[in-house]
C-alpha atoms as a PDB file:
ATOM      1  CA  MET A   1      85.574  10.406  63.643  1.00  0.00           C
ATOM      2  CA  ASP A   2      82.495   8.155  63.552  1.00  0.00           C
ATOM      3  CA  GLU A   3      81.669   8.462  67.228  1.00  0.00           C
ATOM      4  CA  LYS A   4      78.033   9.057  68.169  1.00  0.00           C
ATOM      5  CA  LEU A   5      76.540  11.595  70.552  1.00  0.00           C
ATOM      6  CA  VAL A   6      74.648  10.006  73.453  1.00  0.00           C
ATOM      7  CA  ASP A   7      72.126  11.722  75.740  1.00  0.00           C
ATOM      8  CA  VAL A   8      73.294  11.546  79.357  1.00  0.00           C
ATOM      9  CA  PHE A   9      70.852  13.926  81.052  1.00  0.00           C
ATOM     10  CA  SER A  10      67.349  15.287  80.492  1.00  0.00           C
ATOM     11  CA  ALA A  11      66.937  18.727  82.039  1.00  0.00           C
ATOM     12  CA  SER A  12      63.542  20.222  82.778  1.00  0.00           C
ATOM     13  CA  GLY A  13      64.598  23.495  81.175  1.00  0.00           C
ATOM     14  CA  GLU A  14      67.372  25.455  79.539  1.00  0.00           C
ATOM     15  CA  MET A  15      68.776  26.849  82.789  1.00  0.00           C
ATOM     16  CA  GLU A  16      69.210  23.403  84.374  1.00  0.00           C
ATOM     17  CA  ALA A  17      70.781  22.118  81.147  1.00  0.00           C
ATOM     18  CA  HIS A  18      73.348  24.928  81.164  1.00  0.00           C
ATOM     19  CA  VAL A  19      74.303  24.076  84.756  1.00  0.00           C
ATOM     20  CA  ILE A  20      74.946  20.440  83.780  1.00  0.00           C
ATOM     21  CA  LYS A  21      76.812  21.545  80.641  1.00  0.00           C
ATOM     22  CA  GLY A  22      79.055  23.790  82.757  1.00  0.00           C
ATOM     23  CA  LEU A  23      79.704  20.965  85.211  1.00  0.00           C
ATOM     24  CA  LEU A  24      80.732  18.584  82.447  1.00  0.00           C
ATOM     25  CA  GLU A  25      82.843  21.112  80.554  1.00  0.00           C
ATOM     26  CA  SER A  26      84.646  22.178  83.739  1.00  0.00           C
ATOM     27  CA  ASN A  27      85.659  18.506  84.049  1.00  0.00           C
ATOM     28  CA  GLY A  28      86.965  18.388  80.476  1.00  0.00           C
ATOM     29  CA  ILE A  29      83.954  16.717  78.847  1.00  0.00           C
ATOM     30  CA  PRO A  30      82.641  18.527  75.761  1.00  0.00           C
ATOM     31  CA  CYS A  31      78.882  18.369  75.345  1.00  0.00           C
ATOM     32  CA  ILE A  32      75.966  19.834  73.454  1.00  0.00           C
ATOM     33  CA  LEU A  33      72.402  20.753  74.358  1.00  0.00           C
ATOM     34  CA  LYS A  34      69.490  19.469  72.270  1.00  0.00           C
ATOM     35  CA  SER A  35      65.871  20.564  72.369  1.00  0.00           C
ATOM     36  CA  ASP A  36      62.818  20.315  70.143  1.00  0.00           C
ATOM     37  CA  ALA A  37      61.400  23.586  71.490  1.00  0.00           C
ATOM     38  CA  ALA A  38      62.474  27.021  70.309  1.00  0.00           C
ATOM     39  CA  THR A  39      64.662  28.735  72.906  1.00  0.00           C
ATOM     40  CA  SER A  40      62.924  31.160  75.236  1.00  0.00           C
ATOM     41  CA  VAL A  41      59.485  29.914  74.184  1.00  0.00           C
ATOM     42  CA  HIS A  42      58.898  27.721  77.211  1.00  0.00           C
ATOM     43  CA  ALA A  43      59.688  29.291  80.564  1.00  0.00           C
ATOM     44  CA  PHE A  44      58.778  26.011  82.250  1.00  0.00           C
ATOM     45  CA  THR A  45      58.203  22.391  81.313  1.00  0.00           C
ATOM     46  CA  VAL A  46      54.719  21.159  80.477  1.00  0.00           C
ATOM     47  CA  ASP A  47      54.549  17.477  79.534  1.00  0.00           C
ATOM     48  CA  GLY A  48      58.238  17.563  78.554  1.00  0.00           C
ATOM     49  CA  MET A  49      57.883  20.434  76.097  1.00  0.00           C
ATOM     50  CA  GLY A  50      60.710  22.437  77.688  1.00  0.00           C
ATOM     51  CA  GLU A  51      62.970  19.430  78.097  1.00  0.00           C
ATOM     52  CA  VAL A  52      66.600  19.892  77.065  1.00  0.00           C
ATOM     53  CA  LYS A  53      68.901  16.905  76.556  1.00  0.00           C
ATOM     54  CA  VAL A  54      72.609  17.036  77.352  1.00  0.00           C
ATOM     55  CA  ALA A  55      74.672  14.836  75.013  1.00  0.00           C
ATOM     56  CA  VAL A  56      78.326  13.754  75.070  1.00  0.00           C
ATOM     57  CA  TRP A  57      80.521  11.615  72.829  1.00  0.00           C
ATOM     58  CA  GLU A  58      79.926   7.901  73.283  1.00  0.00           C
ATOM     59  CA  SER A  59      83.433   7.346  74.690  1.00  0.00           C
ATOM     60  CA  ARG A  60      82.732   9.831  77.532  1.00  0.00           C
ATOM     61  CA  VAL A  61      79.282   8.564  78.609  1.00  0.00           C
ATOM     62  CA  GLU A  62      80.339   6.669  81.732  1.00  0.00           C
ATOM     63  CA  GLU A  63      82.573   9.499  82.940  1.00  0.00           C
ATOM     64  CA  ALA A  64      79.821  12.077  82.319  1.00  0.00           C
ATOM     65  CA  LYS A  65      77.211  10.023  84.181  1.00  0.00           C
ATOM     66  CA  ARG A  66      79.587   9.593  87.105  1.00  0.00           C
ATOM     67  CA  ILE A  67      80.164  13.362  87.299  1.00  0.00           C
ATOM     68  CA  ILE A  68      76.479  14.200  86.990  1.00  0.00           C
ATOM     69  CA  GLY A  69      75.540  11.564  89.544  1.00  0.00           C
ATOM     70  CA  GLY A  70      78.190  12.715  91.992  1.00  0.00           C
ATOM     71  CA  GLU A  71      79.738   9.265  92.276  1.00  0.00           C
END
């Protein structure tokens, strides 16, 4: 499979990212969380340092955005 992962949401922290991940997975969309910061290092976001991206397979982007956006 040559499908790419695409970021569909930027969470301000790990907790928010896990909520979005749970929402997507409960709707049958597998996803991963990506972050440049070590886990548990940043309790809050300062200038994007605690930002966590939620990524899904390219073929599921539109569906994921619709679910996240509540459309």
